[in-house]
Amino acid sequence: MAKKAISKPKLKKYPPKPKAGASAEVLANYLKRCKEVDKDNAPKLSDYNKKVSKVKAEKKTKEGLKKKINSLGGVFGKRFKR
C-alpha cells in the first residue's frame, strides 16, 4: 500500500524588517512579533519532524529486513534484488 507523502507544514511568515533608520521602539516591537511567529511555528515544526523521523525509522527497519531475507539465499533472496 502506497503511503501519502508527508507535506511540509504551513508556517507563518516573519513580518517585514524595519528600515535601517528605525527607532529602538520599532526594533523592539519587530523582535517581539518575530518571537510570536516562532512560538506559533514551533509545534507545527516539531510535529513535522516527528513524522519525518518515524518514516525514516520505518524505512531503515524495512531495509534491514530486506538484507536478512537476501542473506537467506534461494527463492527468498531473489525476490528483493533489484
C-alpha atoms as a PDB file:
ATOM      1  CA  MET A   1       0.000   0.000   0.000  1.00  0.00           C
ATOM      2  CA  ALA A   2       1.468   3.324  -1.031  1.00  0.00           C
ATOM      3  CA  LYS A   3       1.632   5.945   1.665  1.00  0.00           C
ATOM      4  CA  LYS A   4       0.841   9.583   1.161  1.00  0.00           C
ATOM      5  CA  ALA A   5       3.927  11.795   1.186  1.00  0.00           C
ATOM      6  CA  ILE A   6       4.397  13.974   4.231  1.00  0.00           C
ATOM      7  CA  SER A   7       3.788  17.573   3.301  1.00  0.00           C
ATOM      8  CA  LYS A   8       5.673  20.404   4.923  1.00  0.00           C
ATOM      9  CA  PRO A   9       3.650  22.418   7.428  1.00  0.00           C
ATOM     10  CA  LYS A  10       2.255  25.818   6.519  1.00  0.00           C
ATOM     11  CA  LEU A  11       4.296  28.221   8.638  1.00  0.00           C
ATOM     12  CA  LYS A  12       3.626  31.842   9.451  1.00  0.00           C
ATOM     13  CA  LYS A  13       5.950  34.301   7.785  1.00  0.00           C
ATOM     14  CA  TYR A  14       8.026  36.862   9.616  1.00  0.00           C
ATOM     15  CA  PRO A  15       6.885  40.493   9.469  1.00  0.00           C
ATOM     16  CA  PRO A  16       8.769  42.814   7.107  1.00  0.00           C
ATOM     17  CA  LYS A  17      12.033  44.128   8.506  1.00  0.00           C
ATOM     18  CA  PRO A  18      12.074  47.711   9.689  1.00  0.00           C
ATOM     19  CA  LYS A  19      14.163  50.261   7.840  1.00  0.00           C
ATOM     20  CA  ALA A  20      17.749  50.931   8.882  1.00  0.00           C
ATOM     21  CA  GLY A  21      16.871  54.303  10.434  1.00  0.00           C
ATOM     22  CA  ALA A  22      14.004  52.947  12.543  1.00  0.00           C
ATOM     23  CA  SER A  23      13.763  53.854  16.223  1.00  0.00           C
ATOM     24  CA  ALA A  24      14.637  51.481  19.059  1.00  0.00           C
ATOM     25  CA  GLU A  25      10.960  51.072  19.902  1.00  0.00           C
ATOM     26  CA  VAL A  26      10.162  49.870  16.386  1.00  0.00           C
ATOM     27  CA  LEU A  27      13.057  47.393  16.501  1.00  0.00           C
ATOM     28  CA  ALA A  28      11.886  46.062  19.881  1.00  0.00           C
ATOM     29  CA  ASN A  29       8.357  45.583  18.521  1.00  0.00           C
ATOM     30  CA  TYR A  30       9.778  43.773  15.491  1.00  0.00           C
ATOM     31  CA  LEU A  31      11.683  41.331  17.717  1.00  0.00           C
ATOM     32  CA  LYS A  32       8.558  40.742  19.803  1.00  0.00           C
ATOM     33  CA  ARG A  33       6.495  39.946  16.716  1.00  0.00           C
ATOM     34  CA  CYS A  34       9.226  37.592  15.428  1.00  0.00           C
ATOM     35  CA  LYS A  35       9.174  35.709  18.735  1.00  0.00           C
ATOM     36  CA  GLU A  36       5.399  35.345  18.465  1.00  0.00           C
ATOM     37  CA  VAL A  37       5.774  33.872  14.977  1.00  0.00           C
ATOM     38  CA  ASP A  38       8.417  31.442  16.255  1.00  0.00           C
ATOM     39  CA  LYS A  39       6.110  30.457  19.101  1.00  0.00           C
ATOM     40  CA  ASP A  40       3.279  29.703  16.652  1.00  0.00           C
ATOM     41  CA  ASN A  41       5.527  27.744  14.285  1.00  0.00           C
ATOM     42  CA  ALA A  42       7.293  25.609  16.915  1.00  0.00           C
ATOM     43  CA  PRO A  43       4.533  22.996  17.462  1.00  0.00           C
ATOM     44  CA  LYS A  44       3.973  22.613  13.728  1.00  0.00           C
ATOM     45  CA  LEU A  45       7.668  22.027  13.122  1.00  0.00           C
ATOM     46  CA  SER A  46       8.012  19.561  15.981  1.00  0.00           C
ATOM     47  CA  ASP A  47       5.042  17.506  14.704  1.00  0.00           C
ATOM     48  CA  TYR A  48       6.507  17.512  11.204  1.00  0.00           C
ATOM     49  CA  ASN A  49       9.943  16.426  12.456  1.00  0.00           C
ATOM     50  CA  LYS A  50       8.375  13.584  14.464  1.00  0.00           C
ATOM     51  CA  LYS A  51       6.550  12.316  11.384  1.00  0.00           C
ATOM     52  CA  VAL A  52       9.693  12.507   9.257  1.00  0.00           C
ATOM     53  CA  SER A  53      11.804  10.646  11.818  1.00  0.00           C
ATOM     54  CA  LYS A  54       9.113   7.969  12.108  1.00  0.00           C
ATOM     55  CA  VAL A  55       9.132   7.437   8.338  1.00  0.00           C
ATOM     56  CA  LYS A  56      12.948   7.283   8.286  1.00  0.00           C
ATOM     57  CA  ALA A  57      12.993   4.705  11.080  1.00  0.00           C
ATOM     58  CA  GLU A  58      10.376   2.633   9.255  1.00  0.00           C
ATOM     59  CA  LYS A  59      12.423   2.766   6.064  1.00  0.00           C
ATOM     60  CA  LYS A  60      15.584   1.722   7.911  1.00  0.00           C
ATOM     61  CA  THR A  61      13.767  -1.224   9.501  1.00  0.00           C
ATOM     62  CA  LYS A  62      12.450  -2.296   6.110  1.00  0.00           C
ATOM     63  CA  GLU A  63      15.941  -2.203   4.582  1.00  0.00           C
ATOM     64  CA  GLY A  64      17.272  -4.310   7.446  1.00  0.00           C
ATOM     65  CA  LEU A  65      14.573  -6.901   6.899  1.00  0.00           C
ATOM     66  CA  LYS A  66      15.342  -6.992   3.176  1.00  0.00           C
ATOM     67  CA  LYS A  67      19.035  -7.645   3.937  1.00  0.00           C
ATOM     68  CA  LYS A  68      18.100 -10.513   6.255  1.00  0.00           C
ATOM     69  CA  ILE A  69      15.854 -12.011   3.585  1.00  0.00           C
ATOM     70  CA  ASN A  70      18.555 -11.647   0.931  1.00  0.00           C
ATOM     71  CA  SER A  71      21.073 -13.379   3.178  1.00  0.00           C
ATOM     72  CA  LEU A  72      18.832 -16.478   3.260  1.00  0.00           C
ATOM     73  CA  GLY A  73      19.532 -17.117  -0.412  1.00  0.00           C
ATOM     74  CA  GLY A  74      17.458 -19.437  -2.562  1.00  0.00           C
ATOM     75  CA  VAL A  75      13.980 -18.404  -3.636  1.00  0.00           C
ATOM     76  CA  PHE A  76      13.506 -15.826  -0.891  1.00  0.00           C
ATOM     77  CA  GLY A  77      16.720 -13.962  -1.649  1.00  0.00           C
ATOM     78  CA  LYS A  78      15.849 -13.368  -5.284  1.00  0.00           C
ATOM     79  CA  ARG A  79      12.606 -11.538  -4.558  1.00  0.00           C
ATOM     80  CA  PHE A  80      14.146  -8.284  -3.348  1.00  0.00           C
ATOM     81  CA  LYS A  81      17.199  -7.983  -5.577  1.00  0.00           C
ATOM     82  CA  ARG A  82      16.821  -5.093  -7.963  1.00  0.00           C
END
